[in-house]
Protein backbone atom coordinates (compact mmCIF):
# COMPACT_ATOMS: atom_id res chain seq x y z
CA MET A 1 -1.91 -18.67 -1.51
CA ILE A 2 -3.76 -15.62 -0.21
CA THR A 3 -7.17 -15.00 -1.48
CA MET A 4 -9.86 -12.41 -0.72
CA GLU A 5 -11.08 -14.58 2.30
CA ASN A 6 -7.68 -14.02 3.92
CA ILE A 7 -7.87 -10.24 3.69
CA ILE A 8 -9.65 -8.56 6.73
CA ARG A 9 -12.22 -5.91 6.18
CA ASP A 10 -12.88 -2.44 7.37
CA GLY A 11 -13.99 -2.47 11.06
CA HIS A 12 -11.55 -5.15 12.03
CA GLU A 13 -9.51 -4.04 14.91
CA THR A 14 -6.14 -4.98 13.47
CA LEU A 15 -6.58 -2.40 10.78
CA ARG A 16 -6.67 0.47 13.42
CA LYS A 17 -3.59 -0.92 15.38
CA LYS A 18 -0.06 0.30 14.99
CA ALA A 19 1.94 -2.88 13.68
CA ALA A 20 4.85 -4.07 15.55
CA GLU A 21 8.42 -3.62 14.19
CA VAL A 22 9.87 -6.75 12.74
CA ASP A 23 13.30 -8.05 14.21
CA LEU A 24 16.03 -8.73 11.94
CA PRO A 25 16.94 -11.10 10.43
CA ILE A 26 13.37 -11.97 9.49
CA SER A 27 12.11 -15.47 10.16
CA ASN A 28 11.28 -18.02 7.47
CA GLU A 29 7.64 -17.64 8.23
CA GLU A 30 7.87 -13.80 7.73
CA LYS A 31 9.67 -14.43 4.48
CA GLU A 32 6.95 -16.81 3.43
CA THR A 33 4.27 -14.20 4.37
CA LEU A 34 5.96 -11.50 2.25
CA ASN A 35 6.33 -13.77 -0.71
CA ASP A 36 2.71 -14.90 -0.35
CA MET A 37 1.65 -11.09 -0.41
CA LEU A 38 3.61 -10.37 -3.55
CA GLU A 39 2.15 -13.39 -5.02
CA PHE A 40 -1.33 -12.15 -4.41
CA LEU A 41 -0.70 -8.94 -5.97
CA LYS A 42 0.64 -10.62 -9.03
CA ASN A 43 -2.26 -12.92 -9.30
CA SER A 44 -4.92 -10.28 -8.65
CA GLN A 45 -3.44 -8.29 -11.75
CA ASP A 46 -3.56 -11.44 -13.82
CA GLU A 47 -7.18 -11.57 -15.45
CA VAL A 48 -7.20 -15.25 -15.75
CA LEU A 49 -6.03 -16.02 -12.14
CA ALA A 50 -8.07 -13.00 -10.65
CA LYS A 51 -11.19 -14.46 -12.23
CA LYS A 52 -10.58 -18.01 -11.37
CA TYR A 53 -9.86 -17.20 -7.60
CA GLY A 54 -12.25 -14.15 -7.44
CA LEU A 55 -9.38 -11.80 -6.53
CA ARG A 56 -9.86 -8.04 -6.66
CA SER A 57 -7.05 -6.27 -8.25
CA GLY A 58 -4.45 -4.54 -6.09
CA VAL A 59 -1.05 -2.91 -6.23
CA GLY A 60 -0.13 -2.94 -2.65
CA LEU A 61 -0.77 -5.20 0.47
CA ALA A 62 0.26 -4.52 4.08
CA ALA A 63 0.53 -7.40 6.57
CA PRO A 64 -2.15 -6.02 8.83
CA GLN A 65 -4.57 -6.49 5.94
CA ILE A 66 -4.10 -10.21 6.33
CA ASN A 67 -4.36 -9.98 10.23
CA VAL A 68 -0.54 -10.01 10.63
CA SER A 69 0.17 -6.99 12.84
CA LYS A 70 3.78 -6.55 11.66
CA GLN A 71 5.48 -3.83 9.74
CA MET A 72 5.75 -5.51 6.34
CA LEU A 73 4.40 -4.61 3.01
CA ALA A 74 4.33 -5.71 -0.56
CA VAL A 75 3.83 -3.66 -3.78
CA TYR A 76 3.64 -4.71 -7.34
CA ILE A 77 2.93 -2.12 -9.91
CA GLN A 78 3.23 -3.52 -13.53
CA ASP A 79 3.96 -0.37 -15.39
CA ASP A 80 5.13 2.94 -13.58
CA GLY A 81 4.21 4.85 -16.77
CA LYS A 82 7.90 4.76 -17.89
CA GLY A 83 7.70 0.85 -18.86
CA ASN A 84 9.25 -0.15 -15.53
CA SER A 85 7.47 -2.36 -13.22
CA ILE A 86 7.99 -1.93 -9.31
CA GLU A 87 8.26 -5.11 -7.13
CA LEU A 88 8.93 -4.33 -3.42
CA GLN A 89 8.78 -6.39 -0.15
CA LEU A 90 9.58 -3.97 2.68
CA ILE A 91 10.14 -4.54 6.39
CA ASN A 92 10.07 -1.73 8.86
CA PRO A 93 9.47 0.94 6.13
CA LYS A 94 9.57 4.63 7.17
CA ILE A 95 9.10 7.86 5.21
CA VAL A 96 12.42 9.70 5.88
CA SER A 97 11.75 12.83 3.68
CA HIS A 98 8.85 14.07 1.59
CA SER A 99 8.06 16.86 -0.72
CA VAL A 100 6.00 19.86 0.36
CA GLN A 101 3.89 19.43 -2.81
CA LYS A 102 0.89 17.24 -2.61
CA ALA A 103 -0.79 14.81 -5.06
CA TYR A 104 -3.90 12.92 -5.38
CA LEU A 105 -5.40 10.08 -7.78
CA ASN A 106 -8.19 11.90 -9.77
CA GLY A 107 -10.54 8.84 -9.18
CA GLY A 108 -9.74 8.78 -5.44
CA GLU A 109 -8.25 5.67 -3.81
CA GLY A 110 -9.51 2.31 -3.00
CA CYS A 111 -8.46 -0.53 -0.68
CA LEU A 112 -8.70 -4.52 -0.72
CA SER A 113 -9.91 -4.12 2.97
CA VAL A 114 -12.67 -1.65 2.04
CA ASP A 115 -15.61 -3.14 0.21
CA GLU A 116 -17.72 0.05 -0.37
CA SER A 117 -16.75 2.95 -2.28
CA LYS A 118 -15.35 5.92 -0.31
CA PRO A 119 -15.60 8.81 -2.76
CA GLY A 120 -13.32 11.84 -2.35
CA LEU A 121 -9.67 12.91 -3.02
CA VAL A 122 -6.85 11.68 -0.77
CA HIS A 123 -4.13 14.24 -0.79
CA ARG A 124 -0.62 12.70 -0.16
CA ASN A 125 3.10 13.93 -0.69
CA PHE A 126 3.86 13.98 -4.41
CA LYS A 127 7.55 12.60 -3.49
CA VAL A 128 8.68 10.45 -0.70
CA THR A 129 12.01 8.90 0.23
CA ILE A 130 11.40 5.55 1.83
CA GLN A 131 13.79 3.77 4.08
CA ALA A 132 13.29 0.11 5.04
CA TYR A 133 14.71 -3.38 4.86
CA ASP A 134 14.16 -5.78 1.95
CA ILE A 135 13.26 -9.55 2.23
CA ASN A 136 16.98 -10.30 2.66
CA GLY A 137 17.56 -7.78 5.51
CA ASP A 138 19.46 -5.45 3.46
CA LEU A 139 18.96 -1.60 4.01
CA PHE A 140 16.71 -0.12 1.28
CA LYS A 141 16.54 3.60 0.55
CA LYS A 142 14.82 5.06 -2.52
CA ARG A 143 12.96 8.07 -3.53
CA PHE A 144 9.52 7.72 -5.29
CA LYS A 145 7.28 10.09 -6.96
CA GLY A 146 3.66 10.38 -8.31
CA TYR A 147 1.72 6.91 -8.40
CA PRO A 148 4.19 4.86 -6.77
CA ALA A 149 4.71 7.44 -3.86
CA ILE A 150 0.98 7.39 -3.32
CA VAL A 151 0.82 3.60 -3.27
CA LEU A 152 3.64 3.40 -0.79
CA GLN A 153 2.14 5.98 1.58
CA HIS A 154 -1.30 4.10 1.49
CA GLU A 155 0.50 0.95 2.61
CA ILE A 156 2.69 2.55 5.26
CA ASP A 157 -0.50 4.15 6.53
CA HIS A 158 -1.90 0.51 7.15
CA LEU A 159 1.18 -0.24 9.31
CA ASN A 160 0.11 2.69 11.56
CA GLY A 161 -3.61 1.96 11.70
CA VAL A 162 -4.56 4.90 9.24
CA MET A 163 -7.12 4.22 6.50
CA PHE A 164 -7.10 6.11 3.31
CA TYR A 165 -10.63 7.78 3.85
CA ASP A 166 -9.26 9.40 7.00
CA TYR A 167 -7.80 11.96 4.61
CA ILE A 168 -10.90 12.82 2.79
CA ASN A 169 -12.19 16.29 3.37
CA GLN A 170 -15.83 15.62 4.59
CA GLU A 171 -16.88 19.22 3.99
CA ASP A 172 -15.91 19.17 0.24
CA PRO A 173 -14.46 15.63 -0.64
CA PHE A 174 -13.65 16.44 -4.20
CA LYS A 175 -11.89 19.88 -3.89
CA PRO A 176 -8.23 19.57 -4.72
CA LEU A 177 -5.69 21.36 -2.64
CA GLU A 178 -3.96 24.40 -4.37
CA ASP A 179 -1.07 23.45 -6.33
CA ALA A 180 -1.67 19.69 -5.94
CA VAL A 181 -0.64 17.30 -8.70
CA GLU A 182 -3.49 15.34 -10.26
CA ILE A 183 -2.51 11.85 -11.14
CA ASN A 184 -4.59 9.70 -13.58
């Protein structure tokens, strides 16, 4: 079981490396890692388990955050605002298209690998189309918008050694871009 002790923190060199592509079919060890990552996200959103194991709540986790420099990520969003949950385990994910329109979370972004607050708006694409492979090695392609799109861009950034605060405007951290969609 992954706990907060397994998650590396800001400043660790793995977080700034481009993760290696994963060969298909994935190994049993890689499947186990992806399953452990998804389990962590579910546990972190369960109040009882989160308290018992001292887990910070998270909706996404990239393999580099557990010091596995491979292009794998997991996302678990209990409610996407339409009553649907999103549960993904992706291998070698790529953004193949995106909207011109930007969006940002009104409270800024956080990260399981960043303990301190990094205040400011993080502008990302409002819509993205992701292409990847799922845990069974099947091709996955889907369009996401709003909050799920932001979560996926945050996690894909981890696979490329990019941290969310790299996007914060240092001159005016809370200035929204013109026409950007604010997401609560």
